[in-house]
Amino acid sequence: MSFSFSISKPLAFPQQPLFSSLGGNKRESGIWRNHQVVKKLVVRAGPKKISFGKDCREALQAGIDKLADAVSITLGPKGRNVVLSDSKTLKVVNDGVTIARAIELPDSMENIGAILIQEIA
């Protein structure tokens, strides 16, 4: 339990009792207690999706496969170009790393699989 209060007068020579200026405080059983209602701020986060087992592995594998399919087109002597669309602009690239960094998948579990490969590359 913690108490916080502010005192405007010096503590060395108080002319009135220390807690007399605090409204709502009463002395019960030798202990000062505050009987005012204090509003507490509560931070609420959205629900978390917890996934494990076969469904999780399949979703991660699907994300990895989608990233690999997009990057594998650019590899080899007959590597092809890929068109990336950023905000109102189109880019034609033949670089696998640039393509891997640009990919964001709509499904959260598939996107985590793609992010894992992006971190490795």
Protein backbone atom coordinates (compact mmCIF):
# COMPACT_ATOMS: atom_id res chain seq x y z
CA MET A 1 0.00 0.00 0.00
CA SER A 2 1.40 3.41 -0.88
CA PHE A 3 0.28 6.91 0.03
CA SER A 4 1.03 10.06 -1.88
CA PHE A 5 0.31 13.62 -0.82
CA SER A 6 1.81 17.05 -1.34
CA ILE A 7 2.77 19.49 1.40
CA SER A 8 3.22 23.16 0.64
CA LYS A 9 4.70 24.14 4.04
CA PRO A 10 8.15 23.08 5.26
CA LEU A 11 8.29 19.84 7.23
CA ALA A 12 10.66 21.16 9.91
CA PHE A 13 8.11 23.20 11.90
CA PRO A 14 4.57 22.40 10.87
CA GLN A 15 2.05 24.64 12.62
CA GLN A 16 -0.89 22.35 12.04
CA PRO A 17 -1.15 18.59 12.12
CA LEU A 18 0.37 16.95 9.08
CA PHE A 19 -2.80 15.27 7.79
CA SER A 20 -5.41 17.82 8.80
CA SER A 21 -5.46 19.53 5.40
CA LEU A 22 -6.17 16.33 3.49
CA GLY A 23 -9.90 15.98 2.90
CA GLY A 24 -11.55 12.63 3.52
CA ASN A 25 -8.85 11.26 5.82
CA LYS A 26 -9.95 9.88 9.19
CA ARG A 27 -8.03 8.27 11.96
CA GLU A 28 -9.13 4.72 12.70
CA SER A 29 -7.30 2.45 15.12
CA GLY A 30 -4.30 4.79 15.15
CA ILE A 31 -3.96 4.66 11.34
CA TRP A 32 -4.87 7.45 8.94
CA ARG A 33 -7.18 6.16 6.22
CA ASN A 34 -8.51 7.90 3.17
CA HIS A 35 -12.22 7.30 2.66
CA GLN A 36 -12.52 9.14 -0.65
CA VAL A 37 -13.28 7.19 -3.78
CA VAL A 38 -10.25 7.03 -6.05
CA LYS A 39 -10.75 6.29 -9.74
CA LYS A 40 -8.26 3.83 -11.15
CA LEU A 41 -7.19 3.81 -14.77
CA VAL A 42 -7.30 0.40 -16.34
CA VAL A 43 -5.55 -0.34 -19.62
CA ARG A 44 -7.30 -3.01 -21.57
CA ALA A 45 -5.69 -4.82 -24.46
CA GLY A 46 -7.51 -6.64 -27.20
CA PRO A 47 -7.87 -10.40 -27.14
CA LYS A 48 -4.83 -12.43 -28.10
CA LYS A 49 -4.93 -15.28 -30.56
CA ILE A 50 -3.13 -18.30 -29.16
CA SER A 51 -2.39 -21.00 -31.67
CA PHE A 52 -0.50 -24.25 -31.32
CA GLY A 53 -0.38 -27.74 -32.71
CA LYS A 54 -1.07 -28.81 -36.26
CA ASP A 55 -3.11 -25.71 -37.19
CA CYS A 56 -0.28 -23.42 -36.13
CA ARG A 57 2.37 -25.39 -38.02
CA GLU A 58 0.23 -25.43 -41.17
CA ALA A 59 -0.36 -21.66 -41.01
CA LEU A 60 3.35 -20.95 -40.46
CA GLN A 61 4.25 -23.26 -43.34
CA ALA A 62 1.72 -21.54 -45.61
CA GLY A 63 3.28 -18.14 -44.84
CA ILE A 64 6.78 -19.49 -45.47
CA ASP A 65 5.65 -21.06 -48.77
CA LYS A 66 4.03 -17.82 -49.97
CA LEU A 67 7.21 -15.87 -49.27
CA ALA A 68 9.38 -18.55 -50.89
CA ASP A 69 7.19 -18.61 -54.02
CA ALA A 70 7.49 -14.85 -54.45
CA VAL A 71 11.27 -14.83 -53.96
CA SER A 72 12.09 -18.00 -55.93
CA ILE A 73 10.87 -16.41 -59.18
CA THR A 74 13.87 -14.06 -59.11
CA LEU A 75 16.51 -16.77 -58.62
CA GLY A 76 18.67 -18.43 -61.24
CA PRO A 77 19.91 -17.44 -64.69
CA LYS A 78 16.35 -16.97 -65.95
CA GLY A 79 15.19 -14.93 -62.96
CA ARG A 80 12.08 -12.90 -63.65
CA ASN A 81 10.99 -9.50 -62.43
CA VAL A 82 8.37 -8.86 -59.77
CA VAL A 83 6.12 -5.80 -59.52
CA LEU A 84 5.73 -4.32 -56.02
CA SER A 85 3.06 -1.75 -55.27
CA ASP A 86 3.87 0.78 -52.56
CA SER A 87 1.70 3.77 -51.77
CA LYS A 88 0.52 4.86 -55.25
CA THR A 89 3.76 3.76 -56.93
CA LEU A 90 4.79 0.61 -58.73
CA LYS A 91 8.31 -0.81 -58.59
CA VAL A 92 9.75 -3.49 -60.83
CA VAL A 93 12.46 -5.38 -58.94
CA ASN A 94 14.56 -8.47 -59.45
CA ASP A 95 15.98 -8.55 -55.92
CA GLY A 96 14.78 -11.31 -53.60
CA VAL A 97 15.62 -9.44 -50.39
CA THR A 98 13.58 -6.40 -51.44
CA ILE A 99 10.65 -8.64 -52.30
CA ALA A 100 10.91 -10.52 -48.99
CA ARG A 101 10.93 -7.27 -47.00
CA ALA A 102 7.89 -5.94 -48.85
CA ILE A 103 5.63 -8.93 -48.19
CA GLU A 104 2.91 -8.62 -45.53
CA LEU A 105 0.25 -11.31 -45.42
CA PRO A 106 -3.33 -10.67 -44.20
CA ASP A 107 -3.51 -13.75 -41.97
CA SER A 108 -1.60 -13.10 -38.74
CA MET A 109 -0.19 -16.64 -38.37
CA GLU A 110 0.92 -16.79 -42.01
CA ASN A 111 2.48 -13.36 -41.62
CA ILE A 112 4.49 -14.60 -38.62
CA GLY A 113 5.89 -17.40 -40.80
CA ALA A 114 6.89 -14.84 -43.44
CA ILE A 115 8.48 -12.60 -40.79
CA LEU A 116 10.53 -15.55 -39.50
CA ILE A 117 12.05 -16.05 -42.94
CA GLN A 118 12.58 -12.29 -43.38
CA GLU A 119 14.58 -12.23 -40.14
CA ILE A 120 16.68 -15.19 -41.23
CA ALA A 121 17.47 -13.77 -44.69
